[in-house]
Amino acid sequence: MAESAEILAAKQRLVTLEGVKRDPEVDAYIIKANEYTGAIGYTEHGARHANLTASIAYNTLKRLAYPERDAQLAALAAYLHDIGNLVSRINHEHTGAMLANGILQRLGMDSVERAVVMGAIGNHEEKGGEPVSPVGAAVILADKSDVHRSRVRNPDPTTFDIHDRVNYAVEHSFLRVDEKSKTIALELTIDTKLSQVMEYFEIFLSRMVMCRRAAQFLTCEFKLQINGAKLL
């Protein structure tokens, strides 16, 4: 006999970031995704990146006066956005969206909220990704703004490739969201003795373009400031 709508609704419960963080499956996936990206020479994609992007995504929507639940879903999606790397770096955003769906369904999240999270995760990469919701836009901004030397795993600076060198040169990064001026600004401090600003644009221009689209989705203007100079 089919369950009534009331019974199904009672089974569904509000899934929180804290609950997701406590889930053993999520923990294992984040650990393995970080391990596998390290094995192929990528920067850190583990708990540090997951926690930081969750915080940035949440704060972005809160500062723009979006509903609390939207901000919570942005944090959830950001925390889970890179788990697809445990399967493959290629199309990890799509794999991650499907893995997240299974986890969140098991935890009791309703289908509409799962769809929002899946859309955000599945659209966070530059190639083919688009801000499809406020949650998705916040995840894009959070992910692309995490550029910092703490993400570099290579212990030997003499063997840095351009990605290691640029990330290691970034001493400070901050995403400043201003509701009054409707601006979202990525503020970076770069040690130009380690990497020139031009190298940042060489590898991250597509990310900045995506950030601009995400900010526009949130009816904001995206700005980039490096060493105090406004470049976008």
C-alpha atoms as a PDB file:
ATOM      1  CA  MET A   1       0.000   0.000   0.000  1.00  0.00           C
ATOM      2  CA  ALA A   2       1.362   3.421  -0.963  1.00  0.00           C
ATOM      3  CA  GLU A   3       2.300   5.675   1.909  1.00  0.00           C
ATOM      4  CA  SER A   4       0.278   8.824   2.376  1.00  0.00           C
ATOM      5  CA  ALA A   5       1.750  12.250   1.723  1.00  0.00           C
ATOM      6  CA  GLU A   6       1.612  12.939   5.462  1.00  0.00           C
ATOM      7  CA  ILE A   7       3.684   9.861   6.286  1.00  0.00           C
ATOM      8  CA  LEU A   8       6.241  10.658   3.599  1.00  0.00           C
ATOM      9  CA  ALA A   9       6.515  14.239   4.838  1.00  0.00           C
ATOM     10  CA  ALA A  10       7.035  13.021   8.390  1.00  0.00           C
ATOM     11  CA  LYS A  11       9.908  10.830   7.213  1.00  0.00           C
ATOM     12  CA  GLN A  12      11.641  13.763   5.576  1.00  0.00           C
ATOM     13  CA  ARG A  13      13.646  15.969   7.867  1.00  0.00           C
ATOM     14  CA  LEU A  14      15.719  19.086   7.656  1.00  0.00           C
ATOM     15  CA  VAL A  15      19.245  18.062   6.695  1.00  0.00           C
ATOM     16  CA  THR A  16      21.907  20.347   8.125  1.00  0.00           C
ATOM     17  CA  LEU A  17      25.562  20.895   7.355  1.00  0.00           C
ATOM     18  CA  GLU A  18      26.444  19.615  10.821  1.00  0.00           C
ATOM     19  CA  GLY A  19      24.604  16.378  10.121  1.00  0.00           C
ATOM     20  CA  VAL A  20      26.334  15.966   6.768  1.00  0.00           C
ATOM     21  CA  LYS A  21      29.726  16.541   8.356  1.00  0.00           C
ATOM     22  CA  ARG A  22      29.041  13.776  10.884  1.00  0.00           C
ATOM     23  CA  ASP A  23      28.119  11.256   8.197  1.00  0.00           C
ATOM     24  CA  PRO A  24      30.794   8.532   7.789  1.00  0.00           C
ATOM     25  CA  GLU A  25      30.132   8.150   4.053  1.00  0.00           C
ATOM     26  CA  VAL A  26      30.653  11.869   3.440  1.00  0.00           C
ATOM     27  CA  ASP A  27      33.820  11.833   5.516  1.00  0.00           C
ATOM     28  CA  ALA A  28      35.216   8.882   3.562  1.00  0.00           C
ATOM     29  CA  TYR A  29      34.369  10.466   0.214  1.00  0.00           C
ATOM     30  CA  ILE A  30      36.036  13.774   1.048  1.00  0.00           C
ATOM     31  CA  ILE A  31      39.161  12.022   2.319  1.00  0.00           C
ATOM     32  CA  LYS A  32      39.419   9.826  -0.781  1.00  0.00           C
ATOM     33  CA  ALA A  33      38.623  12.661  -3.193  1.00  0.00           C
ATOM     34  CA  ASN A  34      41.459  14.659  -1.684  1.00  0.00           C
ATOM     35  CA  GLU A  35      43.793  11.665  -1.767  1.00  0.00           C
ATOM     36  CA  TYR A  36      43.078  10.974  -5.426  1.00  0.00           C
ATOM     37  CA  THR A  37      43.449  14.603  -6.556  1.00  0.00           C
ATOM     38  CA  GLY A  38      46.775  14.639  -4.736  1.00  0.00           C
ATOM     39  CA  ALA A  39      47.859  11.516  -6.581  1.00  0.00           C
ATOM     40  CA  ILE A  40      47.390  13.281  -9.934  1.00  0.00           C
ATOM     41  CA  GLY A  41      49.150  16.449  -8.797  1.00  0.00           C
ATOM     42  CA  TYR A  42      46.232  18.751  -7.946  1.00  0.00           C
ATOM     43  CA  THR A  43      46.054  21.207  -5.080  1.00  0.00           C
ATOM     44  CA  GLU A  44      44.218  20.410  -1.831  1.00  0.00           C
ATOM     45  CA  HIS A  45      40.581  19.380  -2.325  1.00  0.00           C
ATOM     46  CA  GLY A  46      39.861  17.998   1.137  1.00  0.00           C
ATOM     47  CA  ALA A  47      38.293  19.042   4.422  1.00  0.00           C
ATOM     48  CA  ARG A  48      39.957  22.455   4.431  1.00  0.00           C
ATOM     49  CA  HIS A  49      38.552  23.367   1.006  1.00  0.00           C
ATOM     50  CA  ALA A  50      35.152  21.854   1.807  1.00  0.00           C
ATOM     51  CA  ASN A  51      34.777  23.723   5.094  1.00  0.00           C
ATOM     52  CA  LEU A  52      36.012  27.031   3.737  1.00  0.00           C
ATOM     53  CA  THR A  53      33.809  27.009   0.653  1.00  0.00           C
ATOM     54  CA  ALA A  54      30.804  26.017   2.771  1.00  0.00           C
ATOM     55  CA  SER A  55      31.404  29.025   5.010  1.00  0.00           C
ATOM     56  CA  ILE A  56      31.908  31.434   2.093  1.00  0.00           C
ATOM     57  CA  ALA A  57      28.824  30.185   0.227  1.00  0.00           C
ATOM     58  CA  TYR A  58      26.665  30.518   3.353  1.00  0.00           C
ATOM     59  CA  ASN A  59      27.923  34.009   4.151  1.00  0.00           C
ATOM     60  CA  THR A  60      27.490  35.174   0.559  1.00  0.00           C
ATOM     61  CA  LEU A  61      23.764  34.509   0.546  1.00  0.00           C
ATOM     62  CA  LYS A  62      23.241  35.686   4.125  1.00  0.00           C
ATOM     63  CA  ARG A  63      24.913  39.023   3.394  1.00  0.00           C
ATOM     64  CA  LEU A  64      22.691  39.451   0.348  1.00  0.00           C
ATOM     65  CA  ALA A  65      19.599  38.812   2.512  1.00  0.00           C
ATOM     66  CA  TYR A  66      18.600  35.507   0.936  1.00  0.00           C
ATOM     67  CA  PRO A  67      16.469  33.165   3.078  1.00  0.00           C
ATOM     68  CA  GLU A  68      18.306  31.219   5.765  1.00  0.00           C
ATOM     69  CA  ARG A  69      17.496  27.871   4.166  1.00  0.00           C
ATOM     70  CA  ASP A  70      18.961  29.003   0.845  1.00  0.00           C
ATOM     71  CA  ALA A  71      22.174  29.905   2.665  1.00  0.00           C
ATOM     72  CA  GLN A  72      22.171  26.517   4.407  1.00  0.00           C
ATOM     73  CA  LEU A  73      21.722  24.686   1.105  1.00  0.00           C
ATOM     74  CA  ALA A  74      24.583  26.706  -0.387  1.00  0.00           C
ATOM     75  CA  ALA A  75      26.792  25.584   2.500  1.00  0.00           C
ATOM     76  CA  LEU A  76      25.727  21.952   2.010  1.00  0.00           C
ATOM     77  CA  ALA A  77      26.352  22.044  -1.726  1.00  0.00           C
ATOM     78  CA  ALA A  78      29.724  23.731  -1.280  1.00  0.00           C
ATOM     79  CA  TYR A  79      30.798  21.190   1.320  1.00  0.00           C
ATOM     80  CA  LEU A  80      29.974  18.318  -1.044  1.00  0.00           C
ATOM     81  CA  HIS A  81      30.882  19.921  -4.382  1.00  0.00           C
ATOM     82  CA  ASP A  82      34.186  18.089  -4.948  1.00  0.00           C
ATOM     83  CA  ILE A  83      33.342  14.556  -3.773  1.00  0.00           C
ATOM     84  CA  GLY A  84      33.101  13.396  -7.390  1.00  0.00           C
ATOM     85  CA  ASN A  85      36.883  13.562  -7.557  1.00  0.00           C
ATOM     86  CA  LEU A  86      36.996  10.185  -5.829  1.00  0.00           C
ATOM     87  CA  VAL A  87      35.792   8.664  -9.113  1.00  0.00           C
ATOM     88  CA  SER A  88      37.612  10.864 -11.616  1.00  0.00           C
ATOM     89  CA  ARG A  89      38.679  14.464 -12.072  1.00  0.00           C
ATOM     90  CA  ILE A  90      36.949  14.379 -15.465  1.00  0.00           C
ATOM     91  CA  ASN A  91      33.259  15.277 -15.058  1.00  0.00           C
ATOM     92  CA  HIS A  92      33.687  15.210 -11.279  1.00  0.00           C
ATOM     93  CA  GLU A  93      30.968  17.824 -10.945  1.00  0.00           C
ATOM     94  CA  HIS A  94      28.365  15.527 -12.498  1.00  0.00           C
ATOM     95  CA  THR A  95      29.525  12.464 -10.586  1.00  0.00           C
ATOM     96  CA  GLY A  96      29.539  14.520  -7.397  1.00  0.00           C
ATOM     97  CA  ALA A  97      25.966  15.682  -7.961  1.00  0.00           C
ATOM     98  CA  MET A  98      24.759  12.087  -8.226  1.00  0.00           C
ATOM     99  CA  LEU A  99      26.759  10.943  -5.189  1.00  0.00           C
ATOM    100  CA  ALA A 100      25.373  13.867  -3.180  1.00  0.00           C
ATOM    101  CA  ASN A 101      21.830  12.975  -4.203  1.00  0.00           C
ATOM    102  CA  GLY A 102      22.176   9.472  -2.786  1.00  0.00           C
ATOM    103  CA  ILE A 103      23.655  10.742   0.462  1.00  0.00           C
ATOM    104  CA  LEU A 104      21.066  13.458   0.984  1.00  0.00           C
ATOM    105  CA  GLN A 105      18.188  11.134   0.106  1.00  0.00           C
ATOM    106  CA  ARG A 106      19.414   8.656   2.687  1.00  0.00           C
ATOM    107  CA  LEU A 107      19.642  11.450   5.258  1.00  0.00           C
ATOM    108  CA  GLY A 108      16.037  12.433   4.570  1.00  0.00           C
ATOM    109  CA  MET A 109      16.254  15.557   2.418  1.00  0.00           C
ATOM    110  CA  ASP A 110      13.219  16.198   0.233  1.00  0.00           C
ATOM    111  CA  SER A 111      13.458  15.981  -3.546  1.00  0.00           C
ATOM    112  CA  VAL A 112      13.197  19.718  -4.243  1.00  0.00           C
ATOM    113  CA  GLU A 113      16.111  20.578  -1.961  1.00  0.00           C
ATOM    114  CA  ARG A 114      18.149  17.691  -3.380  1.00  0.00           C
ATOM    115  CA  ALA A 115      17.514  19.028  -6.869  1.00  0.00           C
ATOM    116  CA  VAL A 116      18.818  22.466  -5.864  1.00  0.00           C
ATOM    117  CA  VAL A 117      21.981  20.987  -4.365  1.00  0.00           C
ATOM    118  CA  MET A 118      22.547  18.708  -7.366  1.00  0.00           C
ATOM    119  CA  GLY A 119      22.174  21.621  -9.776  1.00  0.00           C
ATOM    120  CA  ALA A 120      24.673  23.670  -7.806  1.00  0.00           C
ATOM    121  CA  ILE A 121      27.267  20.893  -7.634  1.00  0.00           C
ATOM    122  CA  GLY A 122      26.791  19.892 -11.261  1.00  0.00           C
ATOM    123  CA  ASN A 123      27.400  23.457 -12.456  1.00  0.00           C
ATOM    124  CA  HIS A 124      30.413  24.558 -10.419  1.00  0.00           C
ATOM    125  CA  GLU A 125      33.094  23.898 -13.053  1.00  0.00           C
ATOM    126  CA  GLU A 126      34.122  26.467 -15.665  1.00  0.00           C
ATOM    127  CA  LYS A 127      33.665  24.101 -18.603  1.00  0.00           C
ATOM    128  CA  GLY A 128      29.922  23.939 -19.142  1.00  0.00           C
ATOM    129  CA  GLY A 129      28.933  25.185 -15.695  1.00  0.00           C
ATOM    130  CA  GLU A 130      26.420  27.989 -15.201  1.00  0.00           C
ATOM    131  CA  PRO A 131      24.866  29.671 -12.151  1.00  0.00           C
ATOM    132  CA  VAL A 132      21.406  28.114 -12.227  1.00  0.00           C
ATOM    133  CA  SER A 133      20.188  29.241  -8.800  1.00  0.00           C
ATOM    134  CA  PRO A 134      21.278  31.517  -5.952  1.00  0.00           C
ATOM    135  CA  VAL A 135      22.670  28.401  -4.254  1.00  0.00           C
ATOM    136  CA  GLY A 136      24.649  27.506  -7.375  1.00  0.00           C
ATOM    137  CA  ALA A 137      25.961  31.045  -7.797  1.00  0.00           C
ATOM    138  CA  ALA A 138      27.175  31.077  -4.194  1.00  0.00           C
ATOM    139  CA  VAL A 139      28.970  27.745  -4.652  1.00  0.00           C
ATOM    140  CA  ILE A 140      30.755  29.036  -7.766  1.00  0.00           C
ATOM    141  CA  LEU A 141      31.941  32.175  -5.993  1.00  0.00           C
ATOM    142  CA  ALA A 142      33.069  30.237  -2.935  1.00  0.00           C
ATOM    143  CA  ASP A 143      34.952  27.614  -4.926  1.00  0.00           C
ATOM    144  CA  LYS A 144      36.718  29.977  -7.327  1.00  0.00           C
ATOM    145  CA  SER A 145      37.750  32.394  -4.583  1.00  0.00           C
ATOM    146  CA  ASP A 146      39.714  29.752  -2.666  1.00  0.00           C
ATOM    147  CA  VAL A 147      43.168  30.537  -4.000  1.00  0.00           C
ATOM    148  CA  HIS A 148      45.860  30.364  -1.321  1.00  0.00           C
ATOM    149  CA  ARG A 149      49.293  28.944  -0.579  1.00  0.00           C
ATOM    150  CA  SER A 150      47.833  26.559   1.995  1.00  0.00           C
ATOM    151  CA  ARG A 151      46.344  24.541  -0.891  1.00  0.00           C
ATOM    152  CA  VAL A 152      49.760  23.711  -2.362  1.00  0.00           C
ATOM    153  CA  ARG A 153      50.899  20.175  -1.505  1.00  0.00           C
ATOM    154  CA  ASN A 154      54.173  20.104  -3.401  1.00  0.00           C
ATOM    155  CA  PRO A 155      56.949  20.510  -0.774  1.00  0.00           C
ATOM    156  CA  ASP A 156      59.618  21.481  -3.329  1.00  0.00           C
ATOM    157  CA  PRO A 157      59.248  25.028  -4.728  1.00  0.00           C
ATOM    158  CA  THR A 158      61.874  24.289  -7.383  1.00  0.00           C
ATOM    159  CA  THR A 159      59.445  21.863  -9.021  1.00  0.00           C
ATOM    160  CA  PHE A 160      56.319  24.068  -8.854  1.00  0.00           C
ATOM    161  CA  ASP A 161      54.208  24.213 -11.982  1.00  0.00           C
ATOM    162  CA  ILE A 162      52.298  27.412 -12.726  1.00  0.00           C
ATOM    163  CA  HIS A 163      49.289  26.355 -10.622  1.00  0.00           C
ATOM    164  CA  ASP A 164      51.475  25.623  -7.595  1.00  0.00           C
ATOM    165  CA  ARG A 165      53.400  28.842  -8.089  1.00  0.00           C
ATOM    166  CA  VAL A 166      50.336  31.075  -8.385  1.00  0.00           C
ATOM    167  CA  ASN A 167      48.525  29.464  -5.453  1.00  0.00           C
ATOM    168  CA  TYR A 168      51.647  29.609  -3.296  1.00  0.00           C
ATOM    169  CA  ALA A 169      52.132  33.288  -4.137  1.00  0.00           C
ATOM    170  CA  VAL A 170      48.688  34.175  -2.751  1.00  0.00           C
ATOM    171  CA  GLU A 171      49.219  35.173   0.873  1.00  0.00           C
ATOM    172  CA  HIS A 172      45.668  36.361   1.534  1.00  0.00           C
ATOM    173  CA  SER A 173      42.311  35.949  -0.190  1.00  0.00           C
ATOM    174  CA  PHE A 174      38.935  37.264   0.863  1.00  0.00           C
ATOM    175  CA  LEU A 175      35.541  37.431  -0.838  1.00  0.00           C
ATOM    176  CA  ARG A 176      33.904  40.690   0.218  1.00  0.00           C
ATOM    177  CA  VAL A 177      30.131  40.813  -0.264  1.00  0.00           C
ATOM    178  CA  ASP A 178      28.502  44.235   0.047  1.00  0.00           C
ATOM    179  CA  GLU A 179      24.709  44.223  -0.022  1.00  0.00           C
ATOM    180  CA  LYS A 180      24.409  48.020  -0.141  1.00  0.00           C
ATOM    181  CA  SER A 181      26.643  48.549  -3.153  1.00  0.00           C
ATOM    182  CA  LYS A 182      25.618  45.219  -4.715  1.00  0.00           C
ATOM    183  CA  THR A 183      29.236  44.223  -5.245  1.00  0.00           C
ATOM    184  CA  ILE A 184      31.130  40.992  -4.698  1.00  0.00           C
ATOM    185  CA  ALA A 185      34.878  41.563  -4.632  1.00  0.00           C
ATOM    186  CA  LEU A 186      37.666  39.011  -4.538  1.00  0.00           C
ATOM    187  CA  GLU A 187      40.569  40.632  -2.705  1.00  0.00           C
ATOM    188  CA  LEU A 188      43.980  38.990  -3.104  1.00  0.00           C
ATOM    189  CA  THR A 189      47.438  39.697  -1.766  1.00  0.00           C
ATOM    190  CA  ILE A 190      50.075  38.165  -4.042  1.00  0.00           C
ATOM    191  CA  ASP A 191      53.805  37.962  -3.468  1.00  0.00           C
ATOM    192  CA  THR A 192      54.970  39.147  -6.888  1.00  0.00           C
ATOM    193  CA  LYS A 193      58.465  37.829  -6.193  1.00  0.00           C
ATOM    194  CA  LEU A 194      56.973  34.347  -6.469  1.00  0.00           C
ATOM    195  CA  SER A 195      54.447  34.913  -9.247  1.00  0.00           C
ATOM    196  CA  GLN A 196      53.481  37.854 -11.414  1.00  0.00           C
ATOM    197  CA  VAL A 197      49.882  39.036 -11.498  1.00  0.00           C
ATOM    198  CA  MET A 198      49.763  38.183 -15.197  1.00  0.00           C
ATOM    199  CA  GLU A 199      50.286  34.513 -14.342  1.00  0.00           C
ATOM    200  CA  TYR A 200      47.177  34.632 -12.172  1.00  0.00           C
ATOM    201  CA  PHE A 201      45.129  35.753 -15.163  1.00  0.00           C
ATOM    202  CA  GLU A 202      46.839  33.208 -17.383  1.00  0.00           C
ATOM    203  CA  ILE A 203      45.397  30.280 -15.460  1.00  0.00           C
ATOM    204  CA  PHE A 204      42.383  31.787 -13.678  1.00  0.00           C
ATOM    205  CA  LEU A 205      40.759  34.083 -16.246  1.00  0.00           C
ATOM    206  CA  SER A 206      37.997  31.563 -16.974  1.00  0.00           C
ATOM    207  CA  ARG A 207      37.289  31.342 -13.248  1.00  0.00           C
ATOM    208  CA  MET A 208      36.951  35.102 -12.982  1.00  0.00           C
ATOM    209  CA  VAL A 209      34.557  35.133 -15.928  1.00  0.00           C
ATOM    210  CA  MET A 210      32.479  32.488 -14.161  1.00  0.00           C
ATOM    211  CA  CYS A 211      32.539  34.517 -10.952  1.00  0.00           C
ATOM    212  CA  ARG A 212      31.262  37.513 -12.892  1.00  0.00           C
ATOM    213  CA  ARG A 213      28.348  35.471 -14.222  1.00  0.00           C
ATOM    214  CA  ALA A 214      27.606  34.157 -10.733  1.00  0.00           C
ATOM    215  CA  ALA A 215      27.658  37.657  -9.244  1.00  0.00           C
ATOM    216  CA  GLN A 216      25.368  38.907 -12.004  1.00  0.00           C
ATOM    217  CA  PHE A 217      22.939  36.079 -11.219  1.00  0.00           C
ATOM    218  CA  LEU A 218      22.815  37.484  -7.682  1.00  0.00           C
ATOM    219  CA  THR A 219      22.232  40.966  -9.183  1.00  0.00           C
ATOM    220  CA  CYS A 220      25.699  42.075  -8.118  1.00  0.00           C
ATOM    221  CA  GLU A 221      28.827  43.332  -9.847  1.00  0.00           C
ATOM    222  CA  PHE A 222      31.981  41.253  -9.555  1.00  0.00           C
ATOM    223  CA  LYS A 223      35.269  42.982  -8.792  1.00  0.00           C
ATOM    224  CA  LEU A 224      38.830  41.746  -8.502  1.00  0.00           C
ATOM    225  CA  GLN A 225      41.429  43.506  -6.391  1.00  0.00           C
ATOM    226  CA  ILE A 226      45.061  42.379  -6.287  1.00  0.00           C
ATOM    227  CA  ASN A 227      47.553  44.033  -3.950  1.00  0.00           C
ATOM    228  CA  GLY A 228      45.175  46.942  -3.503  1.00  0.00           C
ATOM    229  CA  ALA A 229      44.740  47.611  -7.223  1.00  0.00           C
ATOM    230  CA  LYS A 230      41.292  47.165  -8.775  1.00  0.00           C
ATOM    231  CA  LEU A 231      41.690  45.052 -11.915  1.00  0.00           C
ATOM    232  CA  LEU A 232      38.048  44.184 -12.678  1.00  0.00           C
END
